Amino acid sequence: MSFMFIISLILTAAFLINYSVFWVISVKFSSYYTKIKHQYLRVYPIIWKLSLCLIPLSGSSFLEPIFSENISYFWQYWIWFLLLGIIFIVVGVRIQFLAKKIVKRKVSEGKGDTLFTKGVHEIVRHPIDLAWILIFLGLTFIFDSLFAVILSPFIFILVEIEGFLEEKYILLPKFGLGYKNYKKKIRNRLISPPYNYLLFILAGLVLYIGILNFLKLS
């Protein structure tokens, strides 16, 4: 087992442990302002962001000259996925910027503890989660990481589950009927139709390219 593969597994384990610990705390301690939850809330996004950024890098085919098992997934198609990855990252960073801009404005107005329903929140219920899915996919494409490609569906599922848990254990208890009405208005947590169909098409394309490369290598 190679050094970089072990690093990838450690990063993945860190992401999963961080994810699990946070939601165990959130479910067990029902009060949103519980001291332990408030403290861990500072650590949680740091581990989340670092692991999602470093997993594609650790599995990158750019490291193949040193670690032979870090093989190319996209091969001669990489230039197209490089461009797609850049687009994903730009869109993800833009969504994150818009969401944080709303938070900063609300905090400056003394309304940081209110429900956010305007701006990017009128399009998606969890814009920060969507932003990091796009950034992770963008890094996966740019770094040509087989490990991250395999991990992508599981990351997407975990982020969807996180949206569900956040609504059930944090947002609904905190905002009640206001959040229920918001859910009726903005029905999709992450990617709404028809953009979710584009994601399925992209997933099929990635799988097809992987099969082509596997057949050529064999």
N, C-alpha and C. Protein backbone atom coordinates (compact mmCIF):
# COMPACT_ATOMS: atom_id res chain seq x y z
N MET A 1 0.85 -1.20 0.00
CA MET A 1 0.00 0.00 0.00
C MET A 1 0.89 1.25 0.00
N SER A 2 0.64 2.16 -0.92
CA SER A 2 1.51 3.31 -1.09
C SER A 2 1.27 4.39 -0.04
N PHE A 3 2.28 5.25 0.08
CA PHE A 3 2.21 6.35 1.04
C PHE A 3 1.05 7.29 0.72
N MET A 4 0.90 7.68 -0.57
CA MET A 4 -0.14 8.63 -0.93
C MET A 4 -1.54 8.03 -0.81
N PHE A 5 -1.66 6.73 -1.05
CA PHE A 5 -2.96 6.08 -0.87
C PHE A 5 -3.35 6.09 0.61
N ILE A 6 -2.37 5.86 1.47
CA ILE A 6 -2.63 5.93 2.91
C ILE A 6 -3.04 7.33 3.31
N ILE A 7 -2.36 8.34 2.74
CA ILE A 7 -2.72 9.73 3.02
C ILE A 7 -4.16 10.01 2.58
N SER A 8 -4.54 9.51 1.41
CA SER A 8 -5.91 9.69 0.91
C SER A 8 -6.92 9.06 1.86
N LEU A 9 -6.60 7.87 2.35
CA LEU A 9 -7.49 7.19 3.30
C LEU A 9 -7.59 7.96 4.62
N ILE A 10 -6.47 8.50 5.08
CA ILE A 10 -6.47 9.29 6.32
C ILE A 10 -7.33 10.54 6.16
N LEU A 11 -7.20 11.22 5.02
CA LEU A 11 -8.00 12.42 4.76
C LEU A 11 -9.49 12.08 4.69
N THR A 12 -9.80 10.95 4.05
CA THR A 12 -11.19 10.52 3.96
C THR A 12 -11.74 10.18 5.34
N ALA A 13 -10.93 9.48 6.14
CA ALA A 13 -11.33 9.13 7.51
C ALA A 13 -11.54 10.39 8.34
N ALA A 14 -10.67 11.39 8.16
CA ALA A 14 -10.81 12.65 8.90
C ALA A 14 -12.12 13.34 8.53
N PHE A 15 -12.46 13.32 7.25
CA PHE A 15 -13.72 13.92 6.79
C PHE A 15 -14.91 13.20 7.43
N LEU A 16 -14.89 11.86 7.40
CA LEU A 16 -16.01 11.07 7.93
C LEU A 16 -16.14 11.20 9.45
N ILE A 17 -15.01 11.18 10.15
CA ILE A 17 -15.04 11.31 11.61
C ILE A 17 -15.54 12.70 12.01
N ASN A 18 -15.02 13.72 11.35
CA ASN A 18 -15.45 15.09 11.60
C ASN A 18 -16.96 15.24 11.35
N TYR A 19 -17.41 14.69 10.24
CA TYR A 19 -18.83 14.72 9.87
C TYR A 19 -19.69 14.04 10.93
N SER A 20 -19.25 12.84 11.35
CA SER A 20 -20.02 12.04 12.31
C SER A 20 -20.06 12.69 13.69
N VAL A 21 -18.90 13.18 14.16
CA VAL A 21 -18.83 13.80 15.48
C VAL A 21 -19.74 15.03 15.55
N PHE A 22 -19.70 15.84 14.51
CA PHE A 22 -20.51 17.05 14.52
C PHE A 22 -22.00 16.71 14.62
N TRP A 23 -22.45 15.72 13.85
CA TRP A 23 -23.88 15.44 13.84
C TRP A 23 -24.32 14.64 15.05
N VAL A 24 -23.43 13.87 15.66
CA VAL A 24 -23.75 13.23 16.94
C VAL A 24 -23.96 14.31 18.00
N ILE A 25 -23.08 15.31 18.01
CA ILE A 25 -23.23 16.42 18.94
C ILE A 25 -24.53 17.18 18.68
N SER A 26 -24.81 17.42 17.40
CA SER A 26 -26.00 18.20 17.03
C SER A 26 -27.29 17.48 17.40
N VAL A 27 -27.30 16.17 17.24
CA VAL A 27 -28.51 15.40 17.53
C VAL A 27 -28.67 15.18 19.04
N LYS A 28 -27.55 14.91 19.71
CA LYS A 28 -27.61 14.61 21.15
C LYS A 28 -27.94 15.84 21.97
N PHE A 29 -27.32 16.97 21.61
CA PHE A 29 -27.55 18.20 22.35
C PHE A 29 -28.52 19.05 21.53
N SER A 30 -29.77 19.04 21.92
CA SER A 30 -30.83 19.62 21.10
C SER A 30 -30.73 21.14 21.00
N SER A 31 -30.20 21.79 22.01
CA SER A 31 -30.12 23.25 21.97
C SER A 31 -29.05 23.69 20.97
N TYR A 32 -29.42 24.56 20.08
CA TYR A 32 -28.49 25.04 19.06
C TYR A 32 -27.32 25.80 19.69
N TYR A 33 -27.53 26.36 20.86
CA TYR A 33 -26.50 27.18 21.48
C TYR A 33 -25.74 26.43 22.58
N THR A 34 -25.82 25.11 22.58
CA THR A 34 -25.04 24.33 23.52
C THR A 34 -23.56 24.67 23.36
N LYS A 35 -22.87 24.83 24.48
CA LYS A 35 -21.48 25.31 24.45
C LYS A 35 -20.58 24.39 23.63
N ILE A 36 -20.70 23.08 23.83
CA ILE A 36 -19.83 22.13 23.14
C ILE A 36 -20.06 22.19 21.63
N LYS A 37 -21.31 22.36 21.23
CA LYS A 37 -21.62 22.44 19.80
C LYS A 37 -21.07 23.74 19.21
N HIS A 38 -21.20 24.80 19.95
CA HIS A 38 -20.71 26.10 19.47
C HIS A 38 -19.20 26.07 19.27
N GLN A 39 -18.48 25.40 20.17
CA GLN A 39 -17.04 25.30 20.06
C GLN A 39 -16.63 24.43 18.88
N TYR A 40 -17.32 23.29 18.72
CA TYR A 40 -16.95 22.40 17.63
C TYR A 40 -17.32 22.98 16.27
N LEU A 41 -18.28 23.86 16.27
CA LEU A 41 -18.70 24.49 15.02
C LEU A 41 -17.55 25.30 14.40
N ARG A 42 -16.58 25.72 15.22
CA ARG A 42 -15.42 26.43 14.69
C ARG A 42 -14.44 25.48 14.01
N VAL A 43 -14.37 24.25 14.50
CA VAL A 43 -13.42 23.26 13.98
C VAL A 43 -13.98 22.56 12.75
N TYR A 44 -15.26 22.28 12.78
CA TYR A 44 -15.92 21.47 11.75
C TYR A 44 -15.67 21.96 10.32
N PRO A 45 -15.92 23.24 10.00
CA PRO A 45 -15.71 23.67 8.60
C PRO A 45 -14.25 23.65 8.17
N ILE A 46 -13.32 23.82 9.11
CA ILE A 46 -11.90 23.80 8.76
C ILE A 46 -11.48 22.41 8.29
N ILE A 47 -11.86 21.38 9.06
CA ILE A 47 -11.54 20.00 8.67
C ILE A 47 -12.26 19.64 7.39
N TRP A 48 -13.51 20.07 7.26
CA TRP A 48 -14.33 19.83 6.06
C TRP A 48 -13.62 20.36 4.82
N LYS A 49 -13.20 21.62 4.87
CA LYS A 49 -12.60 22.26 3.70
C LYS A 49 -11.23 21.67 3.37
N LEU A 50 -10.41 21.46 4.39
CA LEU A 50 -9.07 20.92 4.16
C LEU A 50 -9.12 19.53 3.54
N SER A 51 -9.99 18.67 4.07
CA SER A 51 -10.06 17.30 3.56
C SER A 51 -10.60 17.28 2.14
N LEU A 52 -11.61 18.08 1.84
CA LEU A 52 -12.17 18.11 0.48
C LEU A 52 -11.19 18.69 -0.53
N CYS A 53 -10.30 19.57 -0.09
CA CYS A 53 -9.30 20.13 -1.00
C CYS A 53 -8.11 19.20 -1.19
N LEU A 54 -7.72 18.48 -0.13
CA LEU A 54 -6.51 17.68 -0.18
C LEU A 54 -6.73 16.27 -0.72
N ILE A 55 -7.96 15.74 -0.64
CA ILE A 55 -8.23 14.39 -1.16
C ILE A 55 -7.93 14.31 -2.67
N PRO A 56 -8.42 15.25 -3.50
CA PRO A 56 -8.07 15.19 -4.93
C PRO A 56 -6.58 15.35 -5.19
N LEU A 57 -5.91 16.19 -4.40
CA LEU A 57 -4.48 16.41 -4.59
C LEU A 57 -3.68 15.15 -4.25
N SER A 58 -4.06 14.47 -3.17
CA SER A 58 -3.32 13.28 -2.76
C SER A 58 -3.45 12.14 -3.77
N GLY A 59 -4.56 12.11 -4.51
CA GLY A 59 -4.75 11.05 -5.50
C GLY A 59 -4.44 11.48 -6.92
N SER A 60 -3.82 12.65 -7.07
CA SER A 60 -3.59 13.23 -8.40
C SER A 60 -2.62 12.40 -9.25
N SER A 61 -2.93 12.31 -10.54
CA SER A 61 -2.03 11.61 -11.47
C SER A 61 -0.74 12.39 -11.68
N PHE A 62 -0.71 13.67 -11.25
CA PHE A 62 0.52 14.46 -11.36
C PHE A 62 1.64 13.85 -10.51
N LEU A 63 1.25 13.07 -9.50
CA LEU A 63 2.24 12.45 -8.61
C LEU A 63 2.65 11.06 -9.08
N GLU A 64 2.16 10.66 -10.27
CA GLU A 64 2.47 9.32 -10.79
C GLU A 64 3.97 9.05 -10.95
N PRO A 65 4.81 10.05 -11.34
CA PRO A 65 6.25 9.78 -11.43
C PRO A 65 6.87 9.33 -10.11
N ILE A 66 6.25 9.75 -8.99
CA ILE A 66 6.77 9.37 -7.67
C ILE A 66 6.00 8.19 -7.10
N PHE A 67 4.66 8.23 -7.25
CA PHE A 67 3.79 7.17 -6.74
C PHE A 67 3.06 6.54 -7.92
N SER A 68 3.53 5.39 -8.36
CA SER A 68 3.07 4.78 -9.62
C SER A 68 1.58 4.43 -9.61
N GLU A 69 1.00 4.22 -8.44
CA GLU A 69 -0.41 3.85 -8.38
C GLU A 69 -1.34 5.04 -8.61
N ASN A 70 -0.82 6.26 -8.60
CA ASN A 70 -1.63 7.45 -8.87
C ASN A 70 -1.79 7.62 -10.39
N ILE A 71 -2.55 6.71 -10.98
CA ILE A 71 -2.69 6.69 -12.44
C ILE A 71 -3.68 7.75 -12.91
N SER A 72 -3.58 8.09 -14.20
CA SER A 72 -4.49 9.08 -14.79
C SER A 72 -5.86 8.46 -15.02
N TYR A 73 -6.89 9.21 -14.69
CA TYR A 73 -8.26 8.74 -14.96
C TYR A 73 -8.77 9.31 -16.27
N PHE A 74 -8.53 10.59 -16.53
CA PHE A 74 -9.08 11.24 -17.72
C PHE A 74 -8.14 11.15 -18.93
N TRP A 75 -6.86 10.93 -18.69
CA TRP A 75 -5.87 10.68 -19.73
C TRP A 75 -5.90 11.77 -20.80
N GLN A 76 -6.09 11.40 -22.11
CA GLN A 76 -6.01 12.42 -23.17
C GLN A 76 -7.21 13.36 -23.16
N TYR A 77 -8.25 13.07 -22.35
CA TYR A 77 -9.41 13.96 -22.25
C TYR A 77 -9.22 14.99 -21.13
N TRP A 78 -8.06 14.95 -20.46
CA TRP A 78 -7.88 15.77 -19.26
C TRP A 78 -8.03 17.26 -19.54
N ILE A 79 -7.58 17.74 -20.69
CA ILE A 79 -7.64 19.17 -20.98
C ILE A 79 -9.08 19.68 -20.93
N TRP A 80 -10.04 18.84 -21.40
CA TRP A 80 -11.45 19.24 -21.36
C TRP A 80 -11.97 19.26 -19.93
N PHE A 81 -11.53 18.30 -19.14
CA PHE A 81 -11.96 18.27 -17.74
C PHE A 81 -11.24 19.33 -16.91
N LEU A 82 -10.05 19.74 -17.35
CA LEU A 82 -9.38 20.87 -16.73
C LEU A 82 -10.25 22.12 -16.87
N LEU A 83 -10.73 22.37 -18.06
CA LEU A 83 -11.60 23.53 -18.30
C LEU A 83 -12.90 23.43 -17.51
N LEU A 84 -13.48 22.22 -17.50
CA LEU A 84 -14.71 22.01 -16.74
C LEU A 84 -14.47 22.20 -15.25
N GLY A 85 -13.32 21.71 -14.78
CA GLY A 85 -12.97 21.87 -13.37
C GLY A 85 -12.83 23.33 -12.98
N ILE A 86 -12.20 24.11 -13.84
CA ILE A 86 -12.05 25.55 -13.57
C ILE A 86 -13.42 26.22 -13.48
N ILE A 87 -14.33 25.85 -14.39
CA ILE A 87 -15.69 26.41 -14.37
C ILE A 87 -16.39 26.05 -13.07
N PHE A 88 -16.28 24.78 -12.66
CA PHE A 88 -16.93 24.33 -11.43
C PHE A 88 -16.41 25.12 -10.22
N ILE A 89 -15.09 25.29 -10.17
CA ILE A 89 -14.50 25.99 -9.03
C ILE A 89 -14.92 27.46 -9.02
N VAL A 90 -14.91 28.10 -10.18
CA VAL A 90 -15.32 29.51 -10.27
C VAL A 90 -16.77 29.67 -9.82
N VAL A 91 -17.65 28.79 -10.29
CA VAL A 91 -19.07 28.85 -9.90
C VAL A 91 -19.21 28.58 -8.41
N GLY A 92 -18.50 27.56 -7.90
CA GLY A 92 -18.57 27.22 -6.48
C GLY A 92 -18.10 28.36 -5.60
N VAL A 93 -16.98 28.97 -5.96
CA VAL A 93 -16.45 30.10 -5.18
C VAL A 93 -17.41 31.29 -5.24
N ARG A 94 -18.00 31.50 -6.41
CA ARG A 94 -18.96 32.61 -6.56
C ARG A 94 -20.20 32.38 -5.67
N ILE A 95 -20.73 31.16 -5.65
CA ILE A 95 -21.89 30.85 -4.81
C ILE A 95 -21.55 31.06 -3.34
N GLN A 96 -20.36 30.59 -2.95
CA GLN A 96 -19.92 30.75 -1.56
C GLN A 96 -19.77 32.23 -1.21
N PHE A 97 -19.21 33.01 -2.11
CA PHE A 97 -19.03 34.45 -1.88
C PHE A 97 -20.38 35.13 -1.68
N LEU A 98 -21.36 34.80 -2.53
CA LEU A 98 -22.67 35.43 -2.43
C LEU A 98 -23.37 35.05 -1.12
N ALA A 99 -23.23 33.77 -0.72
CA ALA A 99 -23.86 33.33 0.52
C ALA A 99 -23.23 34.02 1.73
N LYS A 100 -21.90 34.11 1.75
CA LYS A 100 -21.22 34.75 2.88
C LYS A 100 -21.47 36.26 2.90
N LYS A 101 -21.64 36.84 1.73
CA LYS A 101 -21.94 38.26 1.66
C LYS A 101 -23.27 38.57 2.34
N ILE A 102 -24.24 37.69 2.15
CA ILE A 102 -25.56 37.86 2.79
C ILE A 102 -25.41 37.76 4.31
N VAL A 103 -24.62 36.77 4.75
CA VAL A 103 -24.41 36.58 6.19
C VAL A 103 -23.76 37.83 6.80
N LYS A 104 -22.71 38.34 6.16
CA LYS A 104 -22.01 39.52 6.67
C LYS A 104 -22.94 40.73 6.74
N ARG A 105 -23.77 40.89 5.71
CA ARG A 105 -24.69 42.02 5.71
C ARG A 105 -25.71 41.91 6.84
N LYS A 106 -26.23 40.69 7.04
CA LYS A 106 -27.20 40.48 8.11
C LYS A 106 -26.58 40.71 9.49
N VAL A 107 -25.34 40.25 9.65
CA VAL A 107 -24.65 40.45 10.93
C VAL A 107 -24.42 41.93 11.19
N SER A 108 -24.02 42.66 10.14
CA SER A 108 -23.79 44.10 10.30
C SER A 108 -25.08 44.85 10.63
N GLU A 109 -26.22 44.30 10.20
CA GLU A 109 -27.52 44.90 10.49
C GLU A 109 -28.09 44.42 11.82
N GLY A 110 -27.35 43.51 12.48
CA GLY A 110 -27.84 42.96 13.74
C GLY A 110 -28.90 41.89 13.54
N LYS A 111 -28.94 41.29 12.33
CA LYS A 111 -29.94 40.26 12.02
C LYS A 111 -29.28 38.93 11.64
N GLY A 112 -28.08 38.68 12.20
CA GLY A 112 -27.33 37.48 11.85
C GLY A 112 -27.99 36.19 12.29
N ASP A 113 -28.95 36.28 13.21
CA ASP A 113 -29.62 35.09 13.73
C ASP A 113 -30.97 34.85 13.06
N THR A 114 -31.23 35.51 11.94
CA THR A 114 -32.50 35.35 11.25
C THR A 114 -32.37 34.32 10.12
N LEU A 115 -33.51 33.90 9.58
CA LEU A 115 -33.53 32.94 8.48
C LEU A 115 -33.17 33.66 7.18
N PHE A 116 -32.22 33.09 6.43
CA PHE A 116 -31.81 33.68 5.16
C PHE A 116 -32.66 33.09 4.04
N THR A 117 -33.38 33.95 3.32
CA THR A 117 -34.25 33.48 2.25
C THR A 117 -34.06 34.27 0.95
N LYS A 118 -33.17 35.24 0.97
CA LYS A 118 -33.00 36.09 -0.21
C LYS A 118 -31.67 35.79 -0.91
N GLY A 119 -31.50 36.39 -2.09
CA GLY A 119 -30.27 36.21 -2.84
C GLY A 119 -30.11 34.79 -3.33
N VAL A 120 -28.95 34.22 -3.11
CA VAL A 120 -28.67 32.87 -3.58
C VAL A 120 -29.54 31.84 -2.88
N HIS A 121 -30.07 32.19 -1.69
CA HIS A 121 -30.96 31.29 -0.96
C HIS A 121 -32.33 31.16 -1.63
N GLU A 122 -32.61 32.02 -2.59
CA GLU A 122 -33.84 31.90 -3.36
C GLU A 122 -33.72 30.84 -4.46
N ILE A 123 -32.51 30.37 -4.66
CA ILE A 123 -32.26 29.36 -5.70
C ILE A 123 -32.01 27.99 -5.07
N VAL A 124 -31.27 27.97 -3.95
CA VAL A 124 -30.90 26.71 -3.32
C VAL A 124 -30.93 26.89 -1.80
N ARG A 125 -31.37 25.86 -1.08
CA ARG A 125 -31.53 25.98 0.37
C ARG A 125 -30.20 25.93 1.11
N HIS A 126 -29.21 25.24 0.55
CA HIS A 126 -27.91 25.11 1.22
C HIS A 126 -26.79 25.49 0.23
N PRO A 127 -26.63 26.78 -0.02
CA PRO A 127 -25.66 27.21 -1.04
C PRO A 127 -24.20 26.87 -0.72
N ILE A 128 -23.83 26.92 0.57
CA ILE A 128 -22.44 26.61 0.93
C ILE A 128 -22.13 25.14 0.63
N ASP A 129 -23.06 24.25 0.92
CA ASP A 129 -22.88 22.82 0.62
C ASP A 129 -22.72 22.60 -0.88
N LEU A 130 -23.59 23.26 -1.66
CA LEU A 130 -23.50 23.15 -3.12
C LEU A 130 -22.15 23.69 -3.61
N ALA A 131 -21.71 24.80 -3.03
CA ALA A 131 -20.45 25.40 -3.44
C ALA A 131 -19.30 24.42 -3.24
N TRP A 132 -19.28 23.72 -2.11
CA TRP A 132 -18.17 22.81 -1.84
C TRP A 132 -18.24 21.53 -2.66
N ILE A 133 -19.45 21.10 -3.03
CA ILE A 133 -19.57 19.98 -3.97
C ILE A 133 -18.93 20.36 -5.30
N LEU A 134 -19.23 21.56 -5.79
CA LEU A 134 -18.68 22.02 -7.07
C LEU A 134 -17.17 22.19 -6.99
N ILE A 135 -16.69 22.73 -5.87
CA ILE A 135 -15.24 22.91 -5.70
C ILE A 135 -14.54 21.56 -5.65
N PHE A 136 -15.12 20.60 -4.94
CA PHE A 136 -14.52 19.26 -4.85
C PHE A 136 -14.46 18.60 -6.23
N LEU A 137 -15.56 18.69 -6.98
CA LEU A 137 -15.58 18.12 -8.33
C LEU A 137 -14.57 18.83 -9.23
N GLY A 138 -14.49 20.16 -9.10
CA GLY A 138 -13.54 20.92 -9.90
C GLY A 138 -12.10 20.50 -9.63
N LEU A 139 -11.75 20.34 -8.36
CA LEU A 139 -10.40 19.89 -8.00
C LEU A 139 -10.14 18.46 -8.46
N THR A 140 -11.18 17.62 -8.38
CA THR A 140 -11.06 16.24 -8.85
C THR A 140 -10.71 16.19 -10.33
N PHE A 141 -11.38 17.03 -11.12
CA PHE A 141 -11.12 17.08 -12.57
C PHE A 141 -9.74 17.67 -12.87
N ILE A 142 -9.41 18.75 -12.19
CA ILE A 142 -8.14 19.43 -12.45
C ILE A 142 -6.94 18.55 -12.09
N PHE A 143 -7.01 17.89 -10.92
CA PHE A 143 -5.90 17.06 -10.47
C PHE A 143 -5.94 15.64 -11.02
N ASP A 144 -7.00 15.32 -11.80
CA ASP A 144 -7.08 14.01 -12.44
C ASP A 144 -6.90 12.89 -11.41
N SER A 145 -7.77 12.90 -10.40
CA SER A 145 -7.64 11.99 -9.26
C SER A 145 -8.63 10.84 -9.34
N LEU A 146 -8.14 9.63 -9.56
CA LEU A 146 -9.00 8.45 -9.60
C LEU A 146 -9.67 8.23 -8.26
N PHE A 147 -8.92 8.39 -7.17
CA PHE A 147 -9.47 8.19 -5.83
C PHE A 147 -10.64 9.13 -5.58
N ALA A 148 -10.48 10.41 -5.95
CA ALA A 148 -11.53 11.40 -5.73
C ALA A 148 -12.74 11.14 -6.62
N VAL A 149 -12.50 10.63 -7.85
CA VAL A 149 -13.61 10.28 -8.74
C VAL A 149 -14.47 9.19 -8.10
N ILE A 150 -13.81 8.17 -7.54
CA ILE A 150 -14.53 7.07 -6.89
C ILE A 150 -15.29 7.58 -5.67
N LEU A 151 -14.67 8.53 -4.96
CA LEU A 151 -15.26 9.04 -3.72
C LEU A 151 -16.40 10.03 -3.95
N SER A 152 -16.44 10.65 -5.13
CA SER A 152 -17.39 11.73 -5.40
C SER A 152 -18.85 11.39 -5.11
N PRO A 153 -19.38 10.23 -5.56
CA PRO A 153 -20.80 9.94 -5.27
C PRO A 153 -21.08 9.85 -3.77
N PHE A 154 -20.13 9.31 -3.00
CA PHE A 154 -20.32 9.17 -1.56
C PHE A 154 -20.29 10.54 -0.87
N ILE A 155 -19.41 11.42 -1.34
CA ILE A 155 -19.36 12.79 -0.81
C ILE A 155 -20.67 13.51 -1.09
N PHE A 156 -21.18 13.34 -2.30
CA PHE A 156 -22.43 13.99 -2.68
C PHE A 156 -23.58 13.50 -1.78
N ILE A 157 -23.64 12.18 -1.55
CA ILE A 157 -24.68 11.61 -0.70
C ILE A 157 -24.57 12.14 0.73
N LEU A 158 -23.35 12.21 1.26
CA LEU A 158 -23.14 12.71 2.62
C LEU A 158 -23.56 14.17 2.74
N VAL A 159 -23.28 14.96 1.73
CA VAL A 159 -23.68 16.38 1.75
C VAL A 159 -25.20 16.50 1.70
N GLU A 160 -25.84 15.64 0.92
CA GLU A 160 -27.32 15.63 0.87
C GLU A 160 -27.88 15.26 2.25
N ILE A 161 -27.28 14.26 2.89
CA ILE A 161 -27.72 13.85 4.22
C ILE A 161 -27.50 14.97 5.22
N GLU A 162 -26.38 15.67 5.07
CA GLU A 162 -26.11 16.80 5.96
C GLU A 162 -27.19 17.87 5.84
N GLY A 163 -27.64 18.15 4.61
CA GLY A 163 -28.71 19.10 4.42
C GLY A 163 -29.98 18.68 5.14
N PHE A 164 -30.29 17.39 5.06
CA PHE A 164 -31.47 16.84 5.74
C PHE A 164 -31.33 16.98 7.25
N LEU A 165 -30.16 16.61 7.79
CA LEU A 165 -29.93 16.68 9.23
C LEU A 165 -29.95 18.12 9.74
N GLU A 166 -29.35 19.01 8.96
CA GLU A 166 -29.33 20.42 9.35
C GLU A 166 -30.74 20.99 9.45
N GLU A 167 -31.58 20.61 8.51
CA GLU A 167 -32.95 21.10 8.52
C GLU A 167 -33.73 20.51 9.70
N LYS A 168 -33.56 19.21 9.94
CA LYS A 168 -34.34 18.54 10.98
C LYS A 168 -33.93 18.93 12.39
N TYR A 169 -32.62 19.03 12.62
CA TYR A 169 -32.13 19.21 13.99
C TYR A 169 -31.68 20.63 14.32
N ILE A 170 -31.53 21.50 13.31
CA ILE A 170 -31.08 22.86 13.58
C ILE A 170 -32.08 23.89 13.08
N LEU A 171 -32.38 23.86 11.79
CA LEU A 171 -33.17 24.93 11.20
C LEU A 171 -34.65 24.88 11.57
N LEU A 172 -35.26 23.70 11.51
CA LEU A 172 -36.68 23.59 11.86
C LEU A 172 -36.94 23.90 13.34
N PRO A 173 -36.13 23.34 14.28
CA PRO A 173 -36.34 23.71 15.68
C PRO A 173 -36.12 25.20 15.94
N LYS A 174 -35.22 25.81 15.18
CA LYS A 174 -34.87 27.21 15.41
C LYS A 174 -35.87 28.18 14.79
N PHE A 175 -36.33 27.87 13.55
CA PHE A 175 -37.17 28.82 12.82
C PHE A 175 -38.61 28.35 12.64
N GLY A 176 -38.90 27.09 12.93
CA GLY A 176 -40.26 26.59 12.95
C GLY A 176 -41.03 26.78 11.65
N LEU A 177 -42.21 27.40 11.75
CA LEU A 177 -43.10 27.57 10.60
C LEU A 177 -42.44 28.37 9.48
N GLY A 178 -41.59 29.33 9.83
CA GLY A 178 -40.91 30.13 8.81
C GLY A 178 -40.07 29.26 7.89
N TYR A 179 -39.38 28.26 8.49
CA TYR A 179 -38.55 27.40 7.65
C TYR A 179 -39.40 26.41 6.86
N LYS A 180 -40.52 25.97 7.44
CA LYS A 180 -41.43 25.09 6.70
C LYS A 180 -41.95 25.77 5.45
N ASN A 181 -42.32 27.03 5.59
CA ASN A 181 -42.80 27.79 4.43
C ASN A 181 -41.69 27.99 3.40
N TYR A 182 -40.48 28.22 3.91
CA TYR A 182 -39.32 28.38 3.01
C TYR A 182 -39.06 27.09 2.23
N LYS A 183 -39.18 25.93 2.90
CA LYS A 183 -38.98 24.64 2.24
C LYS A 183 -40.00 24.41 1.13
N LYS A 184 -41.21 24.88 1.34
CA LYS A 184 -42.25 24.72 0.31
C LYS A 184 -41.93 25.58 -0.91
N LYS A 185 -41.33 26.72 -0.65
CA LYS A 185 -41.01 27.63 -1.75
C LYS A 185 -39.77 27.17 -2.50
N ILE A 186 -38.72 26.76 -1.78
CA ILE A 186 -37.47 26.28 -2.37
C ILE A 186 -37.37 24.80 -2.04
N ARG A 187 -37.79 23.95 -2.99
CA ARG A 187 -37.99 22.54 -2.68
C ARG A 187 -36.70 21.73 -2.68
N ASN A 188 -35.75 22.07 -3.49
CA ASN A 188 -34.54 21.25 -3.61
C ASN A 188 -33.43 21.77 -2.70
N ARG A 189 -32.74 20.83 -2.03
CA ARG A 189 -31.69 21.22 -1.10
C ARG A 189 -30.43 21.67 -1.84
N LEU A 190 -30.00 20.89 -2.84
CA LEU A 190 -28.74 21.21 -3.51
C LEU A 190 -28.92 21.63 -4.95
N ILE A 191 -29.22 20.68 -5.83
CA ILE A 191 -29.29 21.01 -7.26
C ILE A 191 -30.70 20.73 -7.76
N SER A 192 -31.36 21.78 -8.24
CA SER A 192 -32.74 21.64 -8.70
C SER A 192 -32.76 21.31 -10.19
N PRO A 193 -33.87 20.69 -10.67
CA PRO A 193 -34.02 20.44 -12.11
C PRO A 193 -34.00 21.75 -12.87
N PRO A 194 -33.45 21.81 -14.10
CA PRO A 194 -32.89 20.67 -14.84
C PRO A 194 -31.41 20.45 -14.59
N TYR A 195 -30.81 21.23 -13.66
CA TYR A 195 -29.35 21.16 -13.46
C TYR A 195 -28.92 19.82 -12.86
N ASN A 196 -29.80 19.17 -12.09
CA ASN A 196 -29.44 17.86 -11.55
C ASN A 196 -29.33 16.82 -12.66
N TYR A 197 -30.09 16.99 -13.74
CA TYR A 197 -29.98 16.05 -14.87
C TYR A 197 -28.63 16.22 -15.56
N LEU A 198 -28.12 17.45 -15.61
CA LEU A 198 -26.80 17.68 -16.17
C LEU A 198 -25.72 16.97 -15.35
N LEU A 199 -25.94 16.91 -14.05
CA LEU A 199 -24.99 16.21 -13.18
C LEU A 199 -24.99 14.72 -13.48
N PHE A 200 -26.17 14.15 -13.72
CA PHE A 200 -26.26 12.73 -14.07
C PHE A 200 -25.58 12.46 -15.41
N ILE A 201 -25.76 13.37 -16.36
CA ILE A 201 -25.10 13.22 -17.67
C ILE A 201 -23.58 13.28 -17.49
N LEU A 202 -23.12 14.22 -16.66
CA LEU A 202 -21.68 14.34 -16.41
C LEU A 202 -21.15 13.07 -15.74
N ALA A 203 -21.90 12.52 -14.79
CA ALA A 203 -21.47 11.29 -14.12
C ALA A 203 -21.35 10.14 -15.12
N GLY A 204 -22.31 10.06 -16.04
CA GLY A 204 -22.25 9.02 -17.07
C GLY A 204 -21.05 9.20 -17.98
N LEU A 205 -20.75 10.46 -18.31
CA LEU A 205 -19.59 10.75 -19.16
C LEU A 205 -18.28 10.37 -18.47
N VAL A 206 -18.16 10.70 -17.19
CA VAL A 206 -16.96 10.36 -16.42
C VAL A 206 -16.78 8.85 -16.35
N LEU A 207 -17.87 8.13 -16.11
CA LEU A 207 -17.81 6.67 -16.06
C LEU A 207 -17.39 6.09 -17.41
N TYR A 208 -17.95 6.64 -18.48
CA TYR A 208 -17.63 6.17 -19.83
C TYR A 208 -16.15 6.38 -20.14
N ILE A 209 -15.61 7.55 -19.80
CA ILE A 209 -14.19 7.83 -20.05
C ILE A 209 -13.31 6.89 -19.23
N GLY A 210 -13.73 6.62 -17.99
CA GLY A 210 -12.97 5.69 -17.17
C GLY A 210 -12.92 4.31 -17.78
N ILE A 211 -14.04 3.84 -18.33
CA ILE A 211 -14.08 2.52 -18.98
C ILE A 211 -13.19 2.50 -20.21
N LEU A 212 -13.23 3.58 -21.01
CA LEU A 212 -12.37 3.66 -22.19
C LEU A 212 -10.89 3.58 -21.82
N ASN A 213 -10.50 4.31 -20.79
CA ASN A 213 -9.11 4.29 -20.35
C ASN A 213 -8.71 2.93 -19.82
N PHE A 214 -9.62 2.29 -19.10
CA PHE A 214 -9.33 0.97 -18.55
C PHE A 214 -9.11 -0.04 -19.69
N LEU A 215 -9.95 0.04 -20.72
CA LEU A 215 -9.83 -0.88 -21.85
C LEU A 215 -8.51 -0.65 -22.60
N LYS A 216 -8.10 0.62 -22.72
CA LYS A 216 -6.84 0.92 -23.42
C LYS A 216 -5.64 0.43 -22.63
N LEU A 217 -5.71 0.59 -21.29
CA LEU A 217 -4.58 0.15 -20.46
C LEU A 217 -4.47 -1.37 -20.41
N SER A 218 -5.61 -2.06 -20.54
CA SER A 218 -5.60 -3.52 -20.48
C SER A 218 -5.25 -4.11 -21.84
